[in-house]
PDB file of N, CA and C in Angstrom:
ATOM      1  N   UNK A   1      39.660 -21.765  77.725  1.00  0.00           N
ATOM      2  CA  UNK A   1      40.533 -22.920  77.872  1.00  0.00           C
ATOM      3  C   UNK A   1      41.113 -22.911  79.278  1.00  0.00           C
ATOM      4  N   UNK A   2      41.008 -24.031  79.947  1.00  0.00           N
ATOM      5  CA  UNK A   2      41.657 -24.202  81.251  1.00  0.00           C
ATOM      6  C   UNK A   2      42.977 -24.923  81.002  1.00  0.00           C
ATOM      7  N   UNK A   3      44.081 -24.238  81.259  1.00  0.00           N
ATOM      8  CA  UNK A   3      45.413 -24.766  80.990  1.00  0.00           C
ATOM      9  C   UNK A   3      45.893 -25.616  82.158  1.00  0.00           C
ATOM     10  N   UNK A   4      46.720 -26.614  81.867  1.00  0.00           N
ATOM     11  CA  UNK A   4      47.292 -27.435  82.935  1.00  0.00           C
ATOM     12  C   UNK A   4      48.270 -26.626  83.771  1.00  0.00           C
ATOM     13  N   UNK A   5      48.960 -25.673  83.145  1.00  0.00           N
ATOM     14  CA  UNK A   5      49.870 -24.787  83.869  1.00  0.00           C
ATOM     15  C   UNK A   5      50.178 -23.569  82.994  1.00  0.00           C
ATOM     16  N   UNK A   6      50.619 -22.476  83.586  1.00  0.00           N
ATOM     17  CA  UNK A   6      50.911 -21.270  82.817  1.00  0.00           C
ATOM     18  C   UNK A   6      52.062 -21.456  81.817  1.00  0.00           C
ATOM     19  N   UNK A   7      53.000 -22.326  82.133  1.00  0.00           N
ATOM     20  CA  UNK A   7      54.137 -22.536  81.227  1.00  0.00           C
ATOM     21  C   UNK A   7      53.667 -23.212  79.941  1.00  0.00           C
ATOM     22  N   UNK A   8      52.791 -24.233  80.055  1.00  0.00           N
ATOM     23  CA  UNK A   8      52.250 -24.888  78.864  1.00  0.00           C
ATOM     24  C   UNK A   8      51.501 -23.868  78.010  1.00  0.00           C
ATOM     25  N   UNK A   9      50.706 -23.027  78.629  1.00  0.00           N
ATOM     26  CA  UNK A   9      49.977 -21.991  77.898  1.00  0.00           C
ATOM     27  C   UNK A   9      50.952 -21.072  77.157  1.00  0.00           C
ATOM     28  N   UNK A  10      51.995 -20.656  77.829  1.00  0.00           N
ATOM     29  CA  UNK A  10      52.978 -19.766  77.202  1.00  0.00           C
ATOM     30  C   UNK A  10      53.645 -20.388  75.990  1.00  0.00           C
ATOM     31  N   UNK A  11      54.026 -21.659  76.085  1.00  0.00           N
ATOM     32  CA  UNK A  11      54.677 -22.307  74.954  1.00  0.00           C
ATOM     33  C   UNK A  11      53.683 -22.625  73.841  1.00  0.00           C
ATOM     34  N   UNK A  12      52.404 -22.835  74.164  1.00  0.00           N
ATOM     35  CA  UNK A  12      51.390 -22.982  73.125  1.00  0.00           C
ATOM     36  C   UNK A  12      51.270 -21.677  72.330  1.00  0.00           C
ATOM     37  N   UNK A  13      51.291 -20.567  73.022  1.00  0.00           N
ATOM     38  CA  UNK A  13      51.190 -19.266  72.354  1.00  0.00           C
ATOM     39  C   UNK A  13      52.414 -18.964  71.495  1.00  0.00           C
ATOM     40  N   UNK A  14      53.546 -19.590  71.778  1.00  0.00           N
ATOM     41  CA  UNK A  14      54.774 -19.381  70.993  1.00  0.00           C
ATOM     42  C   UNK A  14      54.913 -20.357  69.823  1.00  0.00           C
ATOM     43  N   UNK A  15      54.052 -21.348  69.735  1.00  0.00           N
ATOM     44  CA  UNK A  15      54.169 -22.368  68.681  1.00  0.00           C
ATOM     45  C   UNK A  15      54.178 -21.715  67.299  1.00  0.00           C
ATOM     46  N   UNK A  16      55.086 -22.195  66.455  1.00  0.00           N
ATOM     47  CA  UNK A  16      55.235 -21.680  65.104  1.00  0.00           C
ATOM     48  C   UNK A  16      56.298 -20.609  64.972  1.00  0.00           C
ATOM     49  N   UNK A  17      56.800 -20.116  66.093  1.00  0.00           N
ATOM     50  CA  UNK A  17      57.863 -19.107  66.080  1.00  0.00           C
ATOM     51  C   UNK A  17      59.191 -19.788  66.407  1.00  0.00           C
ATOM     52  N   UNK A  18      60.281 -19.058  66.259  1.00  0.00           N
ATOM     53  CA  UNK A  18      61.606 -19.575  66.606  1.00  0.00           C
ATOM     54  C   UNK A  18      61.655 -19.940  68.083  1.00  0.00           C
ATOM     55  N   UNK A  19      62.246 -21.096  68.391  1.00  0.00           N
ATOM     56  CA  UNK A  19      62.339 -21.568  69.766  1.00  0.00           C
ATOM     57  C   UNK A  19      61.364 -22.693  70.018  1.00  0.00           C
ATOM     58  N   UNK A  20      60.979 -22.872  71.281  1.00  0.00           N
ATOM     59  CA  UNK A  20      60.068 -23.951  71.664  1.00  0.00           C
ATOM     60  C   UNK A  20      58.612 -23.575  71.441  1.00  0.00           C
ATOM     61  N   UNK A  21      57.801 -24.595  71.246  1.00  0.00           N
ATOM     62  CA  UNK A  21      56.362 -24.439  71.182  1.00  0.00           C
ATOM     63  C   UNK A  21      55.709 -25.782  71.428  1.00  0.00           C
ATOM     64  N   UNK A  22      54.451 -25.775  71.863  1.00  0.00           N
ATOM     65  CA  UNK A  22      53.670 -27.003  72.017  1.00  0.00           C
ATOM     66  C   UNK A  22      52.331 -26.803  71.335  1.00  0.00           C
ATOM     67  N   UNK A  23      51.811 -27.876  70.762  1.00  0.00           N
ATOM     68  CA  UNK A  23      50.512 -27.821  70.100  1.00  0.00           C
ATOM     69  C   UNK A  23      49.995 -29.230  69.898  1.00  0.00           C
ATOM     70  N   UNK A  24      48.763 -29.328  69.411  1.00  0.00           N
ATOM     71  CA  UNK A  24      48.137 -30.609  69.098  1.00  0.00           C
ATOM     72  C   UNK A  24      48.036 -30.729  67.592  1.00  0.00           C
ATOM     73  N   UNK A  25      48.256 -31.935  67.087  1.00  0.00           N
ATOM     74  CA  UNK A  25      48.025 -32.230  65.682  1.00  0.00           C
ATOM     75  C   UNK A  25      47.076 -33.415  65.576  1.00  0.00           C
ATOM     76  N   UNK A  26      46.034 -33.234  64.780  1.00  0.00           N
ATOM     77  CA  UNK A  26      45.099 -34.327  64.509  1.00  0.00           C
ATOM     78  C   UNK A  26      45.291 -34.844  63.095  1.00  0.00           C
ATOM     79  N   UNK A  27      46.257 -34.304  62.397  1.00  0.00           N
ATOM     80  CA  UNK A  27      46.524 -34.643  61.000  1.00  0.00           C
ATOM     81  C   UNK A  27      47.080 -36.049  60.859  1.00  0.00           C
ATOM     82  N   UNK A  28      46.381 -36.882  60.091  1.00  0.00           N
ATOM     83  CA  UNK A  28      46.884 -38.207  59.761  1.00  0.00           C
ATOM     84  C   UNK A  28      46.934 -39.194  60.913  1.00  0.00           C
ATOM     85  N   UNK A  29      46.391 -38.857  62.039  1.00  0.00           N
ATOM     86  CA  UNK A  29      46.435 -39.762  63.199  1.00  0.00           C
ATOM     87  C   UNK A  29      45.023 -40.143  63.608  1.00  0.00           C
ATOM     88  N   UNK A  30      44.872 -41.346  64.120  1.00  0.00           N
ATOM     89  CA  UNK A  30      43.584 -41.715  64.690  1.00  0.00           C
ATOM     90  C   UNK A  30      43.430 -41.056  66.059  1.00  0.00           C
ATOM     91  N   UNK A  31      44.533 -40.830  66.726  1.00  0.00           N
ATOM     92  CA  UNK A  31      44.538 -40.160  68.021  1.00  0.00           C
ATOM     93  C   UNK A  31      45.260 -38.818  67.891  1.00  0.00           C
ATOM     94  N   UNK A  32      44.809 -37.791  68.592  1.00  0.00           N
ATOM     95  CA  UNK A  32      45.532 -36.516  68.570  1.00  0.00           C
ATOM     96  C   UNK A  32      46.940 -36.681  69.130  1.00  0.00           C
ATOM     97  N   UNK A  33      47.886 -35.965  68.550  1.00  0.00           N
ATOM     98  CA  UNK A  33      49.272 -36.004  69.015  1.00  0.00           C
ATOM     99  C   UNK A  33      49.623 -34.661  69.641  1.00  0.00           C
ATOM    100  N   UNK A  34      50.157 -34.703  70.849  1.00  0.00           N
ATOM    101  CA  UNK A  34      50.688 -33.509  71.489  1.00  0.00           C
ATOM    102  C   UNK A  34      52.156 -33.419  71.092  1.00  0.00           C
ATOM    103  N   UNK A  35      52.547 -32.265  70.581  1.00  0.00           N
ATOM    104  CA  UNK A  35      53.885 -32.120  70.014  1.00  0.00           C
ATOM    105  C   UNK A  35      54.649 -30.996  70.695  1.00  0.00           C
ATOM    106  N   UNK A  36      55.860 -31.318  71.125  1.00  0.00           N
ATOM    107  CA  UNK A  36      56.825 -30.337  71.595  1.00  0.00           C
ATOM    108  C   UNK A  36      57.733 -30.074  70.403  1.00  0.00           C
ATOM    109  N   UNK A  37      57.786 -28.838  69.967  1.00  0.00           N
ATOM    110  CA  UNK A  37      58.521 -28.518  68.743  1.00  0.00           C
ATOM    111  C   UNK A  37      59.592 -27.471  69.027  1.00  0.00           C
ATOM    112  N   UNK A  38      60.734 -27.639  68.361  1.00  0.00           N
ATOM    113  CA  UNK A  38      61.794 -26.642  68.403  1.00  0.00           C
ATOM    114  C   UNK A  38      62.058 -26.159  66.988  1.00  0.00           C
ATOM    115  N   UNK A  39      62.054 -24.856  66.803  1.00  0.00           N
ATOM    116  CA  UNK A  39      62.369 -24.247  65.502  1.00  0.00           C
ATOM    117  C   UNK A  39      63.660 -23.444  65.640  1.00  0.00           C
ATOM    118  N   UNK A  40      64.633 -23.759  64.803  1.00  0.00           N
ATOM    119  CA  UNK A  40      65.916 -23.061  64.840  1.00  0.00           C
ATOM    120  C   UNK A  40      65.836 -21.685  64.180  1.00  0.00           C
ATOM    121  N   UNK A  41      64.857 -21.510  63.297  1.00  0.00           N
ATOM    122  CA  UNK A  41      64.740 -20.264  62.526  1.00  0.00           C
ATOM    123  C   UNK A  41      63.321 -19.721  62.600  1.00  0.00           C
ATOM    124  N   UNK A  42      63.190 -18.436  62.420  1.00  0.00           N
ATOM    125  CA  UNK A  42      61.860 -17.845  62.289  1.00  0.00           C
ATOM    126  C   UNK A  42      61.249 -18.295  60.969  1.00  0.00           C
ATOM    127  N   UNK A  43      59.911 -18.407  60.910  1.00  0.00           N
ATOM    128  CA  UNK A  43      59.265 -18.802  59.656  1.00  0.00           C
ATOM    129  C   UNK A  43      59.631 -17.854  58.514  1.00  0.00           C
ATOM    130  N   UNK A  44      59.892 -18.432  57.348  1.00  0.00           N
ATOM    131  CA  UNK A  44      60.217 -17.648  56.161  1.00  0.00           C
ATOM    132  C   UNK A  44      61.675 -17.275  56.013  1.00  0.00           C
ATOM    133  N   UNK A  45      62.489 -17.503  57.041  1.00  0.00           N
ATOM    134  CA  UNK A  45      63.916 -17.185  56.965  1.00  0.00           C
ATOM    135  C   UNK A  45      64.622 -18.326  56.231  1.00  0.00           C
ATOM    136  N   UNK A  46      65.446 -18.012  55.217  1.00  0.00           N
ATOM    137  CA  UNK A  46      66.142 -19.083  54.507  1.00  0.00           C
ATOM    138  C   UNK A  46      67.118 -19.838  55.414  1.00  0.00           C
ATOM    139  N   UNK A  47      67.243 -21.123  55.164  1.00  0.00           N
ATOM    140  CA  UNK A  47      68.177 -21.957  55.920  1.00  0.00           C
ATOM    141  C   UNK A  47      69.594 -21.546  55.527  1.00  0.00           C
ATOM    142  N   UNK A  48      70.460 -21.241  56.509  1.00  0.00           N
ATOM    143  CA  UNK A  48      71.822 -20.822  56.187  1.00  0.00           C
ATOM    144  C   UNK A  48      72.635 -21.967  55.580  1.00  0.00           C
ATOM    145  N   UNK A  49      73.574 -21.594  54.740  1.00  0.00           N
ATOM    146  CA  UNK A  49      74.475 -22.580  54.149  1.00  0.00           C
ATOM    147  C   UNK A  49      75.456 -23.037  55.220  1.00  0.00           C
ATOM    148  N   UNK A  50      75.605 -24.361  55.331  1.00  0.00           N
ATOM    149  CA  UNK A  50      76.498 -24.916  56.349  1.00  0.00           C
ATOM    150  C   UNK A  50      77.076 -26.233  55.844  1.00  0.00           C
ATOM    151  N   UNK A  51      78.255 -26.579  56.331  1.00  0.00           N
ATOM    152  CA  UNK A  51      78.871 -27.853  55.980  1.00  0.00           C
ATOM    153  C   UNK A  51      78.400 -28.982  56.891  1.00  0.00           C
ATOM    154  N   UNK A  52      77.683 -28.627  57.936  1.00  0.00           N
ATOM    155  CA  UNK A  52      77.181 -29.609  58.894  1.00  0.00           C
ATOM    156  C   UNK A  52      75.672 -29.769  58.728  1.00  0.00           C
ATOM    157  N   UNK A  53      75.164 -30.946  59.056  1.00  0.00           N
ATOM    158  CA  UNK A  53      73.710 -31.125  58.999  1.00  0.00           C
ATOM    159  C   UNK A  53      73.007 -30.153  59.949  1.00  0.00           C
ATOM    160  N   UNK A  54      71.861 -29.661  59.531  1.00  0.00           N
ATOM    161  CA  UNK A  54      71.110 -28.721  60.343  1.00  0.00           C
ATOM    162  C   UNK A  54      69.639 -29.105  60.312  1.00  0.00           C
ATOM    163  N   UNK A  55      69.075 -29.279  61.476  1.00  0.00           N
ATOM    164  CA  UNK A  55      67.644 -29.537  61.581  1.00  0.00           C
ATOM    165  C   UNK A  55      66.976 -28.217  61.922  1.00  0.00           C
ATOM    166  N   UNK A  56      66.198 -27.673  60.981  1.00  0.00           N
ATOM    167  CA  UNK A  56      65.582 -26.376  61.223  1.00  0.00           C
ATOM    168  C   UNK A  56      64.332 -26.492  62.096  1.00  0.00           C
ATOM    169  N   UNK A  57      63.659 -27.666  62.062  1.00  0.00           N
ATOM    170  CA  UNK A  57      62.478 -27.906  62.895  1.00  0.00           C
ATOM    171  C   UNK A  57      62.528 -29.336  63.401  1.00  0.00           C
ATOM    172  N   UNK A  58      62.300 -29.518  64.699  1.00  0.00           N
ATOM    173  CA  UNK A  58      62.268 -30.855  65.292  1.00  0.00           C
ATOM    174  C   UNK A  58      60.985 -31.015  66.099  1.00  0.00           C
ATOM    175  N   UNK A  59      60.287 -32.123  65.864  1.00  0.00           N
ATOM    176  CA  UNK A  59      59.066 -32.442  66.599  1.00  0.00           C
ATOM    177  C   UNK A  59      59.289 -33.660  67.482  1.00  0.00           C
ATOM    178  N   UNK A  60      58.734 -33.614  68.698  1.00  0.00           N
ATOM    179  CA  UNK A  60      58.758 -34.750  69.608  1.00  0.00           C
ATOM    180  C   UNK A  60      57.346 -34.918  70.154  1.00  0.00           C
ATOM    181  N   UNK A  61      56.784 -36.114  69.999  1.00  0.00           N
ATOM    182  CA  UNK A  61      55.468 -36.386  70.576  1.00  0.00           C
ATOM    183  C   UNK A  61      55.617 -36.562  72.081  1.00  0.00           C
ATOM    184  N   UNK A  62      54.710 -35.941  72.826  1.00  0.00           N
ATOM    185  CA  UNK A  62      54.741 -36.029  74.288  1.00  0.00           C
ATOM    186  C   UNK A  62      53.375 -36.489  74.801  1.00  0.00           C
ATOM    187  N   UNK A  63      53.360 -37.082  75.962  1.00  0.00           N
ATOM    188  CA  UNK A  63      52.116 -37.544  76.576  1.00  0.00           C
ATOM    189  C   UNK A  63      51.815 -36.811  77.879  1.00  0.00           C
ATOM    190  N   UNK A  64      52.836 -36.244  78.482  1.00  0.00           N
ATOM    191  CA  UNK A  64      52.691 -35.536  79.748  1.00  0.00           C
ATOM    192  C   UNK A  64      53.294 -34.145  79.609  1.00  0.00           C
ATOM    193  N   UNK A  65      52.744 -33.196  80.323  1.00  0.00           N
ATOM    194  CA  UNK A  65      53.285 -31.839  80.300  1.00  0.00           C
ATOM    195  C   UNK A  65      54.706 -31.869  80.870  1.00  0.00           C
ATOM    196  N   UNK A  66      55.677 -31.339  80.123  1.00  0.00           N
ATOM    197  CA  UNK A  66      57.063 -31.337  80.621  1.00  0.00           C
ATOM    198  C   UNK A  66      57.267 -30.451  81.853  1.00  0.00           C
ATOM    199  N   UNK A  67      56.325 -29.551  82.133  1.00  0.00           N
ATOM    200  CA  UNK A  67      56.501 -28.596  83.226  1.00  0.00           C
ATOM    201  C   UNK A  67      55.721 -28.957  84.482  1.00  0.00           C
ATOM    202  N   UNK A  68      54.508 -29.521  84.331  1.00  0.00           N
ATOM    203  CA  UNK A  68      53.728 -29.840  85.535  1.00  0.00           C
ATOM    204  C   UNK A  68      53.389 -31.326  85.655  1.00  0.00           C
ATOM    205  N   UNK A  69      53.632 -32.112  84.607  1.00  0.00           N
ATOM    206  CA  UNK A  69      53.419 -33.546  84.657  1.00  0.00           C
ATOM    207  C   UNK A  69      52.012 -34.024  84.341  1.00  0.00           C
ATOM    208  N   UNK A  70      51.109 -33.121  83.984  1.00  0.00           N
ATOM    209  CA  UNK A  70      49.727 -33.521  83.677  1.00  0.00           C
ATOM    210  C   UNK A  70      49.671 -34.470  82.486  1.00  0.00           C
ATOM    211  N   UNK A  71      48.752 -35.431  82.550  1.00  0.00           N
ATOM    212  CA  UNK A  71      48.468 -36.317  81.423  1.00  0.00           C
ATOM    213  C   UNK A  71      47.706 -35.478  80.402  1.00  0.00           C
ATOM    214  N   UNK A  72      48.326 -35.155  79.271  1.00  0.00           N
ATOM    215  CA  UNK A  72      47.777 -34.184  78.330  1.00  0.00           C
ATOM    216  C   UNK A  72      46.469 -34.640  77.684  1.00  0.00           C
ATOM    217  N   UNK A  73      46.354 -35.904  77.316  1.00  0.00           N
ATOM    218  CA  UNK A  73      45.103 -36.381  76.708  1.00  0.00           C
ATOM    219  C   UNK A  73      43.935 -36.275  77.678  1.00  0.00           C
ATOM    220  N   UNK A  74      44.183 -36.582  78.927  1.00  0.00           N
ATOM    221  CA  UNK A  74      43.112 -36.475  79.924  1.00  0.00           C
ATOM    222  C   UNK A  74      42.764 -35.012  80.191  1.00  0.00           C
ATOM    223  N   UNK A  75      43.789 -34.184  80.381  1.00  0.00           N
ATOM    224  CA  UNK A  75      43.563 -32.790  80.748  1.00  0.00           C
ATOM    225  C   UNK A  75      42.827 -32.029  79.640  1.00  0.00           C
ATOM    226  N   UNK A  76      43.215 -32.243  78.379  1.00  0.00           N
ATOM    227  CA  UNK A  76      42.684 -31.452  77.264  1.00  0.00           C
ATOM    228  C   UNK A  76      41.655 -32.193  76.411  1.00  0.00           C
ATOM    229  N   UNK A  77      41.117 -33.287  76.903  1.00  0.00           N
ATOM    230  CA  UNK A  77      40.195 -34.103  76.106  1.00  0.00           C
ATOM    231  C   UNK A  77      39.013 -33.309  75.561  1.00  0.00           C
ATOM    232  N   UNK A  78      38.546 -32.286  76.246  1.00  0.00           N
ATOM    233  CA  UNK A  78      37.412 -31.496  75.767  1.00  0.00           C
ATOM    234  C   UNK A  78      37.786 -30.285  74.941  1.00  0.00           C
ATOM    235  N   UNK A  79      39.087 -29.989  74.807  1.00  0.00           N
ATOM    236  CA  UNK A  79      39.494 -28.772  74.104  1.00  0.00           C
ATOM    237  C   UNK A  79      40.492 -28.992  72.989  1.00  0.00           C
ATOM    238  N   UNK A  80      40.502 -30.192  72.422  1.00  0.00           N
ATOM    239  CA  UNK A  80      41.513 -30.509  71.403  1.00  0.00           C
ATOM    240  C   UNK A  80      41.402 -29.623  70.160  1.00  0.00           C
ATOM    241  N   UNK A  81      40.197 -29.276  69.776  1.00  0.00           N
ATOM    242  CA  UNK A  81      40.031 -28.429  68.577  1.00  0.00           C
ATOM    243  C   UNK A  81      40.685 -27.065  68.757  1.00  0.00           C
ATOM    244  N   UNK A  82      40.607 -26.532  69.961  1.00  0.00           N
ATOM    245  CA  UNK A  82      41.215 -25.234  70.239  1.00  0.00           C
ATOM    246  C   UNK A  82      42.742 -25.293  70.176  1.00  0.00           C
ATOM    247  N   UNK A  83      43.308 -26.456  70.459  1.00  0.00           N
ATOM    248  CA  UNK A  83      44.763 -26.622  70.483  1.00  0.00           C
ATOM    249  C   UNK A  83      45.328 -27.134  69.155  1.00  0.00           C
ATOM    250  N   UNK A  84      44.452 -27.518  68.234  1.00  0.00           N
ATOM    251  CA  UNK A  84      44.897 -28.127  66.973  1.00  0.00           C
ATOM    252  C   UNK A  84      45.560 -27.094  66.072  1.00  0.00           C
ATOM    253  N   UNK A  85      46.846 -27.313  65.826  1.00  0.00           N
ATOM    254  CA  UNK A  85      47.611 -26.483  64.902  1.00  0.00           C
ATOM    255  C   UNK A  85      48.422 -27.427  64.013  1.00  0.00           C
ATOM    256  N   UNK A  86      47.698 -28.343  63.384  1.00  0.00           N
ATOM    257  CA  UNK A  86      48.316 -29.396  62.567  1.00  0.00           C
ATOM    258  C   UNK A  86      49.237 -28.843  61.487  1.00  0.00           C
ATOM    259  N   UNK A  87      48.988 -27.638  61.024  1.00  0.00           N
ATOM    260  CA  UNK A  87      49.817 -27.054  59.971  1.00  0.00           C
ATOM    261  C   UNK A  87      51.260 -26.833  60.401  1.00  0.00           C
ATOM    262  N   UNK A  88      51.528 -26.838  61.701  1.00  0.00           N
ATOM    263  CA  UNK A  88      52.890 -26.642  62.215  1.00  0.00           C
ATOM    264  C   UNK A  88      53.706 -27.919  62.274  1.00  0.00           C
ATOM    265  N   UNK A  89      53.034 -29.057  62.179  1.00  0.00           N
ATOM    266  CA  UNK A  89      53.718 -30.352  62.322  1.00  0.00           C
ATOM    267  C   UNK A  89      54.663 -30.598  61.154  1.00  0.00           C
ATOM    268  N   UNK A  90      55.814 -31.185  61.455  1.00  0.00           N
ATOM    269  CA  UNK A  90      56.777 -31.564  60.414  1.00  0.00           C
ATOM    270  C   UNK A  90      56.233 -32.795  59.700  1.00  0.00           C
ATOM    271  N   UNK A  91      56.067 -32.690  58.407  1.00  0.00           N
ATOM    272  CA  UNK A  91      55.571 -33.827  57.618  1.00  0.00           C
ATOM    273  C   UNK A  91      56.740 -34.529  56.954  1.00  0.00           C
ATOM    274  N   UNK A  92      56.884 -35.805  57.234  1.00  0.00           N
ATOM    275  CA  UNK A  92      57.940 -36.620  56.613  1.00  0.00           C
ATOM    276  C   UNK A  92      57.430 -37.144  55.283  1.00  0.00           C
ATOM    277  N   UNK A  93      58.240 -36.993  54.261  1.00  0.00           N
ATOM    278  CA  UNK A  93      57.820 -37.451  52.938  1.00  0.00           C
ATOM    279  C   UNK A  93      58.798 -38.399  52.338  1.00  0.00           C
TER     280      UNK A  93
END
């Protein structure tokens, strides 16, 4: 895989863990979605009891690399399968 920048590669490798991550989802879309995700908790950790609303996982669709500005669909058009981690995407029901 030829990465657009080392920072994007690093956050792709962190996807699914607590903190930031980036990945591609092809689930339910006609076009692949590049997702910047923030996880407040490590996977499997119970959500703490709180009186305030808490978002444990937040997804934001992005089109350009937040670190180097590359157009993600153009840059990764040949490697989408390698980046697909659709299982990490937040599914709204």
